[in-house]
C-alpha atoms as a PDB file:
ATOM      1  CA  UNK A   1     -12.239 -43.583 -24.284  1.00  0.00           C
ATOM      2  CA  UNK A   2      -9.117 -42.039 -23.625  1.00  0.00           C
ATOM      3  CA  UNK A   3      -7.424 -41.846 -20.157  1.00  0.00           C
ATOM      4  CA  UNK A   4      -7.134 -37.977 -19.930  1.00  0.00           C
ATOM      5  CA  UNK A   5      -8.074 -34.979 -22.058  1.00  0.00           C
ATOM      6  CA  UNK A   6      -6.342 -31.620 -20.683  1.00  0.00           C
ATOM      7  CA  UNK A   7      -8.283 -28.689 -21.427  1.00  0.00           C
ATOM      8  CA  UNK A   8      -5.731 -25.501 -21.696  1.00  0.00           C
ATOM      9  CA  UNK A   9      -2.421 -24.501 -22.896  1.00  0.00           C
ATOM     10  CA  UNK A  10      -1.069 -22.287 -20.157  1.00  0.00           C
ATOM     11  CA  UNK A  11       1.790 -23.375 -17.618  1.00  0.00           C
ATOM     12  CA  UNK A  12      -0.562 -25.887 -16.329  1.00  0.00           C
ATOM     13  CA  UNK A  13      -2.015 -27.369 -19.105  1.00  0.00           C
ATOM     14  CA  UNK A  14       1.315 -27.790 -20.667  1.00  0.00           C
ATOM     15  CA  UNK A  15       2.930 -29.590 -17.634  1.00  0.00           C
ATOM     16  CA  UNK A  16       0.114 -31.676 -17.084  1.00  0.00           C
ATOM     17  CA  UNK A  17       0.458 -33.075 -20.766  1.00  0.00           C
ATOM     18  CA  UNK A  18       4.011 -33.257 -20.471  1.00  0.00           C
ATOM     19  CA  UNK A  19       3.553 -35.603 -17.622  1.00  0.00           C
ATOM     20  CA  UNK A  20       0.871 -37.470 -19.783  1.00  0.00           C
ATOM     21  CA  UNK A  21       3.273 -38.208 -22.548  1.00  0.00           C
ATOM     22  CA  UNK A  22       6.195 -39.164 -19.907  1.00  0.00           C
ATOM     23  CA  UNK A  23       4.056 -41.920 -18.270  1.00  0.00           C
ATOM     24  CA  UNK A  24       2.686 -42.907 -21.951  1.00  0.00           C
ATOM     25  CA  UNK A  25      -1.050 -42.148 -21.237  1.00  0.00           C
ATOM     26  CA  UNK A  26      -3.738 -42.365 -24.108  1.00  0.00           C
ATOM     27  CA  UNK A  27      -4.527 -38.420 -23.589  1.00  0.00           C
ATOM     28  CA  UNK A  28      -5.556 -35.629 -25.505  1.00  0.00           C
ATOM     29  CA  UNK A  29      -4.746 -32.113 -25.336  1.00  0.00           C
ATOM     30  CA  UNK A  30      -7.608 -29.620 -26.350  1.00  0.00           C
ATOM     31  CA  UNK A  31      -5.889 -25.923 -26.956  1.00  0.00           C
ATOM     32  CA  UNK A  32      -5.753 -23.403 -29.839  1.00  0.00           C
ATOM     33  CA  UNK A  33      -2.495 -22.212 -28.660  1.00  0.00           C
ATOM     34  CA  UNK A  34       0.042 -22.835 -26.441  1.00  0.00           C
ATOM     35  CA  UNK A  35       2.111 -20.797 -23.637  1.00  0.00           C
ATOM     36  CA  UNK A  36      -1.603 -19.164 -22.157  1.00  0.00           C
ATOM     37  CA  UNK A  37      -0.180 -15.143 -21.064  1.00  0.00           C
ATOM     38  CA  UNK A  38       2.923 -15.800 -20.843  1.00  0.00           C
ATOM     39  CA  UNK A  39       3.137 -15.654 -24.397  1.00  0.00           C
ATOM     40  CA  UNK A  40       2.732 -11.570 -23.465  1.00  0.00           C
ATOM     41  CA  UNK A  41       5.974  -9.906 -22.039  1.00  0.00           C
ATOM     42  CA  UNK A  42       5.850  -6.518 -20.275  1.00  0.00           C
ATOM     43  CA  UNK A  43       8.152  -3.927 -22.116  1.00  0.00           C
ATOM     44  CA  UNK A  44       9.711  -1.195 -20.555  1.00  0.00           C
ATOM     45  CA  UNK A  45      12.046   1.449 -22.040  1.00  0.00           C
ATOM     46  CA  UNK A  46      14.749   1.075 -19.371  1.00  0.00           C
ATOM     47  CA  UNK A  47      14.726  -2.719 -19.516  1.00  0.00           C
ATOM     48  CA  UNK A  48      16.601  -5.038 -21.957  1.00  0.00           C
ATOM     49  CA  UNK A  49      15.198  -8.321 -23.121  1.00  0.00           C
ATOM     50  CA  UNK A  50      18.497 -10.516 -21.713  1.00  0.00           C
ATOM     51  CA  UNK A  51      17.841  -8.689 -17.763  1.00  0.00           C
ATOM     52  CA  UNK A  52      14.308 -10.284 -17.800  1.00  0.00           C
ATOM     53  CA  UNK A  53      13.527 -14.251 -17.316  1.00  0.00           C
ATOM     54  CA  UNK A  54      10.195 -14.445 -18.842  1.00  0.00           C
ATOM     55  CA  UNK A  55       7.546 -17.037 -18.478  1.00  0.00           C
ATOM     56  CA  UNK A  56       8.077 -18.268 -22.529  1.00  0.00           C
ATOM     57  CA  UNK A  57      11.365 -19.329 -22.022  1.00  0.00           C
ATOM     58  CA  UNK A  58      10.409 -21.021 -18.829  1.00  0.00           C
ATOM     59  CA  UNK A  59       7.934 -23.126 -20.443  1.00  0.00           C
ATOM     60  CA  UNK A  60       9.865 -23.637 -23.621  1.00  0.00           C
ATOM     61  CA  UNK A  61      10.512 -27.160 -22.898  1.00  0.00           C
ATOM     62  CA  UNK A  62       7.313 -27.899 -22.222  1.00  0.00           C
ATOM     63  CA  UNK A  63       6.188 -26.914 -25.469  1.00  0.00           C
ATOM     64  CA  UNK A  64       9.042 -28.547 -27.103  1.00  0.00           C
ATOM     65  CA  UNK A  65       7.667 -31.891 -25.977  1.00  0.00           C
ATOM     66  CA  UNK A  66       4.134 -31.405 -27.345  1.00  0.00           C
ATOM     67  CA  UNK A  67       4.788 -29.510 -30.391  1.00  0.00           C
ATOM     68  CA  UNK A  68       5.748 -32.729 -32.682  1.00  0.00           C
ATOM     69  CA  UNK A  69       2.900 -34.570 -31.163  1.00  0.00           C
ATOM     70  CA  UNK A  70       0.130 -33.494 -33.667  1.00  0.00           C
ATOM     71  CA  UNK A  71      -1.885 -36.747 -32.735  1.00  0.00           C
ATOM     72  CA  UNK A  72      -2.424 -35.963 -29.402  1.00  0.00           C
ATOM     73  CA  UNK A  73      -3.408 -32.288 -29.710  1.00  0.00           C
ATOM     74  CA  UNK A  74      -6.947 -30.697 -30.399  1.00  0.00           C
ATOM     75  CA  UNK A  75      -6.021 -26.704 -31.825  1.00  0.00           C
ATOM     76  CA  UNK A  76      -9.709 -25.584 -30.821  1.00  0.00           C
ATOM     77  CA  UNK A  77     -11.784 -24.277 -28.151  1.00  0.00           C
ATOM     78  CA  UNK A  78     -13.608 -26.548 -25.696  1.00  0.00           C
ATOM     79  CA  UNK A  79     -16.919 -25.563 -25.668  1.00  0.00           C
ATOM     80  CA  UNK A  80     -19.067 -28.129 -23.703  1.00  0.00           C
ATOM     81  CA  UNK A  81     -18.419 -30.847 -20.869  1.00  0.00           C
ATOM     82  CA  UNK A  82     -20.782 -33.661 -20.268  1.00  0.00           C
ATOM     83  CA  UNK A  83     -20.826 -36.437 -17.221  1.00  0.00           C
ATOM     84  CA  UNK A  84     -21.068 -39.911 -19.107  1.00  0.00           C
ATOM     85  CA  UNK A  85     -20.641 -43.342 -18.077  1.00  0.00           C
ATOM     86  CA  UNK A  86     -17.095 -43.576 -16.671  1.00  0.00           C
ATOM     87  CA  UNK A  87     -15.999 -40.558 -17.954  1.00  0.00           C
ATOM     88  CA  UNK A  88     -16.783 -37.268 -19.753  1.00  0.00           C
ATOM     89  CA  UNK A  89     -17.586 -36.045 -23.236  1.00  0.00           C
ATOM     90  CA  UNK A  90     -15.958 -32.883 -24.397  1.00  0.00           C
ATOM     91  CA  UNK A  91     -17.573 -31.158 -27.411  1.00  0.00           C
ATOM     92  CA  UNK A  92     -15.321 -28.641 -29.342  1.00  0.00           C
ATOM     93  CA  UNK A  93     -15.442 -25.645 -31.609  1.00  0.00           C
ATOM     94  CA  UNK A  94     -15.578 -27.567 -34.555  1.00  0.00           C
ATOM     95  CA  UNK A  95     -18.689 -29.759 -32.925  1.00  0.00           C
ATOM     96  CA  UNK A  96     -16.338 -32.831 -32.801  1.00  0.00           C
ATOM     97  CA  UNK A  97     -16.461 -34.785 -29.416  1.00  0.00           C
ATOM     98  CA  UNK A  98     -13.838 -36.760 -27.270  1.00  0.00           C
ATOM     99  CA  UNK A  99     -14.774 -39.100 -24.334  1.00  0.00           C
ATOM    100  CA  UNK A 100     -12.414 -39.751 -21.571  1.00  0.00           C
ATOM    101  CA  UNK A 101     -12.009 -41.228 -17.883  1.00  0.00           C
ATOM    102  CA  UNK A 102     -10.480 -38.042 -16.397  1.00  0.00           C
ATOM    103  CA  UNK A 103     -10.358 -34.876 -17.166  1.00  0.00           C
ATOM    104  CA  UNK A 104      -8.015 -31.870 -16.309  1.00  0.00           C
ATOM    105  CA  UNK A 105      -9.537 -27.928 -16.337  1.00  0.00           C
ATOM    106  CA  UNK A 106      -6.479 -25.731 -16.871  1.00  0.00           C
ATOM    107  CA  UNK A 107      -7.939 -22.636 -18.489  1.00  0.00           C
ATOM    108  CA  UNK A 108      -6.145 -19.873 -16.431  1.00  0.00           C
ATOM    109  CA  UNK A 109      -7.582 -16.691 -15.779  1.00  0.00           C
ATOM    110  CA  UNK A 110      -7.512 -12.685 -16.830  1.00  0.00           C
ATOM    111  CA  UNK A 111      -6.933  -9.693 -14.985  1.00  0.00           C
ATOM    112  CA  UNK A 112      -9.883  -7.431 -14.732  1.00  0.00           C
ATOM    113  CA  UNK A 113      -9.120  -4.205 -17.594  1.00  0.00           C
ATOM    114  CA  UNK A 114      -9.892  -0.737 -17.230  1.00  0.00           C
ATOM    115  CA  UNK A 115     -11.438  -0.227 -20.010  1.00  0.00           C
ATOM    116  CA  UNK A 116     -10.645   3.376 -20.883  1.00  0.00           C
ATOM    117  CA  UNK A 117      -8.950   4.770 -23.787  1.00  0.00           C
ATOM    118  CA  UNK A 118      -5.260   4.560 -24.445  1.00  0.00           C
ATOM    119  CA  UNK A 119      -5.657   0.843 -22.457  1.00  0.00           C
ATOM    120  CA  UNK A 120      -5.455  -1.156 -25.554  1.00  0.00           C
ATOM    121  CA  UNK A 121      -2.752   0.755 -27.416  1.00  0.00           C
ATOM    122  CA  UNK A 122      -0.416   0.780 -24.116  1.00  0.00           C
ATOM    123  CA  UNK A 123      -1.115  -3.054 -22.510  1.00  0.00           C
ATOM    124  CA  UNK A 124       2.071  -4.453 -22.224  1.00  0.00           C
ATOM    125  CA  UNK A 125       3.748  -1.431 -22.527  1.00  0.00           C
ATOM    126  CA  UNK A 126       4.577   0.022 -19.479  1.00  0.00           C
ATOM    127  CA  UNK A 127       0.899  -0.952 -18.928  1.00  0.00           C
ATOM    128  CA  UNK A 128       0.253  -4.570 -17.154  1.00  0.00           C
ATOM    129  CA  UNK A 129      -1.599  -6.719 -15.113  1.00  0.00           C
ATOM    130  CA  UNK A 130       0.786  -8.620 -12.665  1.00  0.00           C
ATOM    131  CA  UNK A 131       2.887  -6.536  -9.860  1.00  0.00           C
ATOM    132  CA  UNK A 132       3.768 -10.319  -8.517  1.00  0.00           C
ATOM    133  CA  UNK A 133       5.579 -10.836 -11.908  1.00  0.00           C
ATOM    134  CA  UNK A 134       6.750  -7.619 -12.751  1.00  0.00           C
ATOM    135  CA  UNK A 135       7.711  -5.760  -9.877  1.00  0.00           C
ATOM    136  CA  UNK A 136      11.323  -6.597  -9.331  1.00  0.00           C
ATOM    137  CA  UNK A 137      12.362  -4.340 -12.671  1.00  0.00           C
ATOM    138  CA  UNK A 138      10.667  -1.676 -10.435  1.00  0.00           C
ATOM    139  CA  UNK A 139      13.842  -0.383  -8.546  1.00  0.00           C
ATOM    140  CA  UNK A 140      13.920   3.038  -7.491  1.00  0.00           C
ATOM    141  CA  UNK A 141      10.855   3.757  -9.934  1.00  0.00           C
ATOM    142  CA  UNK A 142       7.846   5.845  -9.402  1.00  0.00           C
ATOM    143  CA  UNK A 143       4.959   3.152  -9.885  1.00  0.00           C
ATOM    144  CA  UNK A 144       1.194   3.357 -10.014  1.00  0.00           C
ATOM    145  CA  UNK A 145      -1.096   0.518  -8.812  1.00  0.00           C
ATOM    146  CA  UNK A 146      -4.874   0.592  -9.526  1.00  0.00           C
ATOM    147  CA  UNK A 147      -7.089  -1.061  -7.507  1.00  0.00           C
ATOM    148  CA  UNK A 148      -9.114  -1.419  -3.899  1.00  0.00           C
ATOM    149  CA  UNK A 149      -8.784  -5.082  -2.757  1.00  0.00           C
ATOM    150  CA  UNK A 150      -5.859  -7.266  -1.019  1.00  0.00           C
ATOM    151  CA  UNK A 151      -4.422  -8.278  -4.989  1.00  0.00           C
ATOM    152  CA  UNK A 152      -3.865  -3.943  -4.886  1.00  0.00           C
ATOM    153  CA  UNK A 153      -2.361  -4.293  -1.241  1.00  0.00           C
ATOM    154  CA  UNK A 154      -0.307  -7.196  -1.942  1.00  0.00           C
ATOM    155  CA  UNK A 155       1.148  -5.409  -5.085  1.00  0.00           C
ATOM    156  CA  UNK A 156       1.738  -1.719  -3.465  1.00  0.00           C
ATOM    157  CA  UNK A 157       3.287  -4.025  -0.539  1.00  0.00           C
ATOM    158  CA  UNK A 158       5.630  -5.709  -2.919  1.00  0.00           C
ATOM    159  CA  UNK A 159       6.329  -2.627  -4.754  1.00  0.00           C
ATOM    160  CA  UNK A 160       6.958  -0.432  -1.824  1.00  0.00           C
ATOM    161  CA  UNK A 161      10.259  -2.407  -0.976  1.00  0.00           C
ATOM    162  CA  UNK A 162      11.807  -1.413  -4.202  1.00  0.00           C
ATOM    163  CA  UNK A 163      10.203   1.356  -5.746  1.00  0.00           C
ATOM    164  CA  UNK A 164      10.783   4.637  -5.318  1.00  0.00           C
ATOM    165  CA  UNK A 165       7.302   6.147  -4.891  1.00  0.00           C
ATOM    166  CA  UNK A 166       4.271   3.797  -5.299  1.00  0.00           C
ATOM    167  CA  UNK A 167       0.978   5.308  -5.562  1.00  0.00           C
ATOM    168  CA  UNK A 168      -2.727   3.303  -5.253  1.00  0.00           C
ATOM    169  CA  UNK A 169      -5.813   4.749  -7.159  1.00  0.00           C
ATOM    170  CA  UNK A 170      -8.915   3.078  -5.574  1.00  0.00           C
ATOM    171  CA  UNK A 171     -11.915   4.014  -6.661  1.00  0.00           C
ATOM    172  CA  UNK A 172     -13.561   2.345  -3.264  1.00  0.00           C
ATOM    173  CA  UNK A 173     -12.479   1.627   0.521  1.00  0.00           C
ATOM    174  CA  UNK A 174     -12.539  -2.502  -0.175  1.00  0.00           C
ATOM    175  CA  UNK A 175      -9.751  -3.730   1.898  1.00  0.00           C
ATOM    176  CA  UNK A 176      -7.709  -0.423   2.738  1.00  0.00           C
ATOM    177  CA  UNK A 177      -9.105  -0.119   5.657  1.00  0.00           C
ATOM    178  CA  UNK A 178      -8.301  -3.666   7.292  1.00  0.00           C
ATOM    179  CA  UNK A 179      -5.234  -3.644   9.545  1.00  0.00           C
ATOM    180  CA  UNK A 180      -3.146  -4.961   6.933  1.00  0.00           C
ATOM    181  CA  UNK A 181      -4.325  -2.193   4.364  1.00  0.00           C
ATOM    182  CA  UNK A 182      -3.166   0.513   7.121  1.00  0.00           C
ATOM    183  CA  UNK A 183      -0.096  -1.025   7.304  1.00  0.00           C
ATOM    184  CA  UNK A 184       0.806  -1.415   3.979  1.00  0.00           C
ATOM    185  CA  UNK A 185      -0.450   2.148   2.875  1.00  0.00           C
ATOM    186  CA  UNK A 186       1.546   3.602   6.070  1.00  0.00           C
ATOM    187  CA  UNK A 187       4.530   2.978   4.163  1.00  0.00           C
ATOM    188  CA  UNK A 188       6.456   6.382   3.815  1.00  0.00           C
ATOM    189  CA  UNK A 189       6.740   5.782   0.163  1.00  0.00           C
ATOM    190  CA  UNK A 190       3.079   4.862  -0.438  1.00  0.00           C
ATOM    191  CA  UNK A 191       0.361   7.856  -1.435  1.00  0.00           C
ATOM    192  CA  UNK A 192      -3.066   6.676  -1.488  1.00  0.00           C
ATOM    193  CA  UNK A 193      -5.431   8.385  -3.377  1.00  0.00           C
ATOM    194  CA  UNK A 194      -8.814   7.248  -2.247  1.00  0.00           C
ATOM    195  CA  UNK A 195     -12.311   7.567  -4.236  1.00  0.00           C
ATOM    196  CA  UNK A 196     -10.361   8.229  -7.394  1.00  0.00           C
ATOM    197  CA  UNK A 197     -10.936   6.400 -10.722  1.00  0.00           C
ATOM    198  CA  UNK A 198      -8.772   6.357 -14.116  1.00  0.00           C
ATOM    199  CA  UNK A 199     -10.654   7.853 -16.753  1.00  0.00           C
ATOM    200  CA  UNK A 200      -7.308   7.497 -19.219  1.00  0.00           C
ATOM    201  CA  UNK A 201      -4.037   6.098 -20.158  1.00  0.00           C
ATOM    202  CA  UNK A 202      -1.848   8.096 -21.840  1.00  0.00           C
ATOM    203  CA  UNK A 203       2.098   8.043 -23.162  1.00  0.00           C
ATOM    204  CA  UNK A 204       3.977   7.904 -26.367  1.00  0.00           C
ATOM    205  CA  UNK A 205       6.045   4.703 -26.915  1.00  0.00           C
ATOM    206  CA  UNK A 206       4.829   3.489 -23.485  1.00  0.00           C
ATOM    207  CA  UNK A 207       2.262   4.310 -20.623  1.00  0.00           C
ATOM    208  CA  UNK A 208       3.786   7.401 -18.553  1.00  0.00           C
ATOM    209  CA  UNK A 209       0.541   9.262 -17.451  1.00  0.00           C
ATOM    210  CA  UNK A 210      -2.900   8.019 -15.612  1.00  0.00           C
ATOM    211  CA  UNK A 211      -5.505  10.582 -15.689  1.00  0.00           C
ATOM    212  CA  UNK A 212      -7.705  10.255 -12.664  1.00  0.00           C
ATOM    213  CA  UNK A 213     -11.465  11.812 -11.942  1.00  0.00           C
ATOM    214  CA  UNK A 214     -11.544  12.392  -7.951  1.00  0.00           C
ATOM    215  CA  UNK A 215     -15.259  13.653  -6.980  1.00  0.00           C
ATOM    216  CA  UNK A 216     -15.595  15.175 -10.690  1.00  0.00           C
ATOM    217  CA  UNK A 217     -12.104  16.498 -10.326  1.00  0.00           C
ATOM    218  CA  UNK A 218      -9.655  15.522 -12.628  1.00  0.00           C
ATOM    219  CA  UNK A 219      -5.753  15.091 -12.261  1.00  0.00           C
ATOM    220  CA  UNK A 220      -2.816  13.488 -13.547  1.00  0.00           C
ATOM    221  CA  UNK A 221      -0.255  11.065 -12.225  1.00  0.00           C
ATOM    222  CA  UNK A 222       3.321  10.365 -13.872  1.00  0.00           C
ATOM    223  CA  UNK A 223       4.777   7.099 -13.546  1.00  0.00           C
ATOM    224  CA  UNK A 224       7.552   4.799 -14.686  1.00  0.00           C
ATOM    225  CA  UNK A 225       4.777   2.063 -14.914  1.00  0.00           C
ATOM    226  CA  UNK A 226       1.370   1.355 -14.451  1.00  0.00           C
ATOM    227  CA  UNK A 227      -0.503  -1.929 -12.545  1.00  0.00           C
ATOM    228  CA  UNK A 228      -3.837  -3.004 -12.977  1.00  0.00           C
ATOM    229  CA  UNK A 229      -4.646  -5.247  -9.636  1.00  0.00           C
ATOM    230  CA  UNK A 230      -8.390  -4.729  -9.434  1.00  0.00           C
ATOM    231  CA  UNK A 231      -9.243  -8.587  -9.710  1.00  0.00           C
ATOM    232  CA  UNK A 232      -8.560 -12.126 -11.728  1.00  0.00           C
ATOM    233  CA  UNK A 233     -11.489 -13.501 -13.257  1.00  0.00           C
ATOM    234  CA  UNK A 234     -11.170 -17.094 -13.411  1.00  0.00           C
ATOM    235  CA  UNK A 235     -12.165 -18.737 -16.991  1.00  0.00           C
ATOM    236  CA  UNK A 236     -14.535 -21.395 -15.938  1.00  0.00           C
ATOM    237  CA  UNK A 237     -17.772 -20.426 -17.948  1.00  0.00           C
ATOM    238  CA  UNK A 238     -16.832 -24.408 -19.105  1.00  0.00           C
ATOM    239  CA  UNK A 239     -17.581 -25.800 -15.871  1.00  0.00           C
ATOM    240  CA  UNK A 240     -20.058 -23.660 -14.348  1.00  0.00           C
ATOM    241  CA  UNK A 241     -22.914 -26.074 -12.954  1.00  0.00           C
ATOM    242  CA  UNK A 242     -20.370 -28.799 -13.536  1.00  0.00           C
ATOM    243  CA  UNK A 243     -17.872 -28.421 -10.576  1.00  0.00           C
ATOM    244  CA  UNK A 244     -18.155 -26.867  -7.371  1.00  0.00           C
ATOM    245  CA  UNK A 245     -16.741 -23.086  -7.727  1.00  0.00           C
ATOM    246  CA  UNK A 246     -15.938 -20.597  -5.097  1.00  0.00           C
ATOM    247  CA  UNK A 247     -17.745 -17.258  -4.672  1.00  0.00           C
ATOM    248  CA  UNK A 248     -15.334 -15.375  -7.369  1.00  0.00           C
ATOM    249  CA  UNK A 249     -15.732 -18.428  -9.864  1.00  0.00           C
ATOM    250  CA  UNK A 250     -12.619 -20.196  -9.091  1.00  0.00           C
ATOM    251  CA  UNK A 251     -12.633 -24.129  -9.040  1.00  0.00           C
ATOM    252  CA  UNK A 252     -12.871 -25.521  -5.647  1.00  0.00           C
ATOM    253  CA  UNK A 253      -9.951 -28.097  -5.484  1.00  0.00           C
ATOM    254  CA  UNK A 254      -8.125 -30.491  -2.630  1.00  0.00           C
ATOM    255  CA  UNK A 255      -4.460 -30.859  -1.595  1.00  0.00           C
ATOM    256  CA  UNK A 256      -4.561 -33.568  -4.917  1.00  0.00           C
ATOM    257  CA  UNK A 257      -5.753 -31.148  -7.592  1.00  0.00           C
ATOM    258  CA  UNK A 258      -9.942 -32.865  -7.294  1.00  0.00           C
ATOM    259  CA  UNK A 259     -12.653 -31.304  -7.647  1.00  0.00           C
ATOM    260  CA  UNK A 260     -16.135 -32.483  -6.250  1.00  0.00           C
ATOM    261  CA  UNK A 261     -16.672 -34.560  -9.469  1.00  0.00           C
ATOM    262  CA  UNK A 262     -14.874 -38.069  -9.993  1.00  0.00           C
ATOM    263  CA  UNK A 263     -12.084 -37.827 -12.206  1.00  0.00           C
ATOM    264  CA  UNK A 264     -12.397 -34.487 -13.078  1.00  0.00           C
ATOM    265  CA  UNK A 265      -9.277 -32.377 -11.798  1.00  0.00           C
ATOM    266  CA  UNK A 266      -8.215 -28.697 -11.703  1.00  0.00           C
ATOM    267  CA  UNK A 267      -5.035 -26.813 -12.220  1.00  0.00           C
ATOM    268  CA  UNK A 268      -3.351 -23.597 -12.514  1.00  0.00           C
ATOM    269  CA  UNK A 269      -5.059 -19.969 -11.767  1.00  0.00           C
ATOM    270  CA  UNK A 270      -8.409 -20.856 -12.592  1.00  0.00           C
ATOM    271  CA  UNK A 271      -8.256 -22.767  -9.339  1.00  0.00           C
ATOM    272  CA  UNK A 272      -8.644 -21.532  -5.704  1.00  0.00           C
ATOM    273  CA  UNK A 273      -5.112 -22.737  -4.872  1.00  0.00           C
ATOM    274  CA  UNK A 274      -3.643 -19.420  -5.927  1.00  0.00           C
ATOM    275  CA  UNK A 275      -1.318 -20.814  -8.566  1.00  0.00           C
ATOM    276  CA  UNK A 276      -0.751 -17.349 -10.203  1.00  0.00           C
ATOM    277  CA  UNK A 277       2.790 -17.796 -11.304  1.00  0.00           C
ATOM    278  CA  UNK A 278       4.223 -19.551 -14.195  1.00  0.00           C
ATOM    279  CA  UNK A 279       6.430 -22.031 -11.518  1.00  0.00           C
ATOM    280  CA  UNK A 280       3.461 -22.728  -9.492  1.00  0.00           C
ATOM    281  CA  UNK A 281       1.352 -23.272 -12.553  1.00  0.00           C
ATOM    282  CA  UNK A 282       3.958 -25.843 -13.821  1.00  0.00           C
ATOM    283  CA  UNK A 283       4.018 -27.611 -10.460  1.00  0.00           C
ATOM    284  CA  UNK A 284       0.163 -27.422 -10.251  1.00  0.00           C
ATOM    285  CA  UNK A 285      -0.208 -29.559 -13.625  1.00  0.00           C
ATOM    286  CA  UNK A 286       1.991 -32.110 -12.949  1.00  0.00           C
ATOM    287  CA  UNK A 287       0.013 -32.797  -9.452  1.00  0.00           C
ATOM    288  CA  UNK A 288      -3.003 -33.064 -10.879  1.00  0.00           C
ATOM    289  CA  UNK A 289      -1.836 -35.359 -13.974  1.00  0.00           C
ATOM    290  CA  UNK A 290      -0.260 -37.334 -10.992  1.00  0.00           C
ATOM    291  CA  UNK A 291      -3.200 -37.629  -9.376  1.00  0.00           C
ATOM    292  CA  UNK A 292      -5.467 -38.351 -12.971  1.00  0.00           C
ATOM    293  CA  UNK A 293      -2.693 -40.909 -13.475  1.00  0.00           C
ATOM    294  CA  UNK A 294      -3.476 -42.050 -10.011  1.00  0.00           C
ATOM    295  CA  UNK A 295      -7.083 -42.593 -10.583  1.00  0.00           C
ATOM    296  CA  UNK A 296      -7.046 -44.524 -13.740  1.00  0.00           C
ATOM    297  CA  UNK A 297      -4.743 -47.064 -12.178  1.00  0.00           C
ATOM    298  CA  UNK A 298      -6.926 -47.502  -9.754  1.00  0.00           C
ATOM    299  CA  UNK A 299      -4.464 -45.832  -6.627  1.00  0.00           C
ATOM    300  CA  UNK A 300      -5.804 -44.752  -3.616  1.00  0.00           C
ATOM    301  CA  UNK A 301      -5.253 -40.872  -2.534  1.00  0.00           C
ATOM    302  CA  UNK A 302      -2.413 -41.885  -0.095  1.00  0.00           C
ATOM    303  CA  UNK A 303      -0.006 -44.009  -1.599  1.00  0.00           C
ATOM    304  CA  UNK A 304       2.427 -44.061   1.009  1.00  0.00           C
ATOM    305  CA  UNK A 305       0.404 -43.585   4.258  1.00  0.00           C
ATOM    306  CA  UNK A 306       1.828 -42.247   7.203  1.00  0.00           C
ATOM    307  CA  UNK A 307       1.685 -45.986   9.834  1.00  0.00           C
ATOM    308  CA  UNK A 308       1.553 -45.435  13.816  1.00  0.00           C
END
C-alpha cells in the first residue's frame, strides 16, 4: 500500500507530487498528461510570446522534478475510487488498481462552452475562458464578456479598469441586478446587452466578431478579444457520492485541504477554495500534500497551537 496517491496533472497535482518527492514519500502520481490547462495559451495578434508569462513556464520546474520519475507515475485516467481498510483503492483506465493510505484529488475544472459555430476553430485565438489570466493584455482594447453570473461580473470589473470598452453579453439577468452588478455595469466604458445570446463567433486568424441574437433580432459586435465567463465546471465526477460537494459540484475542503473523509484531500480549482490561478493551485497542492504527510505521520492538525 502506498502512502499517497495524487490524481490530476495540473498545477495543484504537480506541486503535491513534487512535495511528496522532496519528503521521500512512497507516492504515486496518476495523470495522462502534465500541466492541465496551463499547456494552452491565448494567442493575440498584438502580443508576442516574450511579453507574456504563461503558466507553462511557471510550472516547468515542477514538471522537471517528475519527468524522470517514471516509477512513481501512471499515465492513465483514474476511473474509480473505493474506500478500503486503512485507505483507498484507485482503478485506472487499463483496469489496474492501486492502494493508498491517503489520496489527493486535483482534477481541476473547465469553463462552460458556448457550443456555437466558430468556437472550436477560434478557441485560444482571441477567444478564451479566463479574463483573470489574460485581462492585463487588454490595455486600451475593445473586449466582449459572455455570461450572467458573478464570474462574468468579476471579469467585467477587472477588464473595465484597463480596456477601452467592455461589452457584456448576458442571456439572463443572473447576478446583474445585485448591488455589485449595478456598480460594475455602471462604469462609463461598460455596455450591457441583456437578454442576448451568442449564436456564433467569427474571425480570420483570430476571433474578432461575436454574432448575438436579442429577441429574435441578430446583431454583431466587433472586439479585440472575447472572454466566455459563464461558469466553471469542476471535474469531480470521480468522487461524486464519495466526498461532500457544494451545489456546483466543487469538493468541500477545510483550511488544511481535508474533505469529509479521513485521509482524502483535495486541491486546486476542483475545490470550493477558489484556487483558480496557477500560483494559487501550486500553493494549494503543496498544502494538501503537507496535510497528507502529517496524516501519514499521525501528527495532529495543529502542529504548533497557540498557547495562552
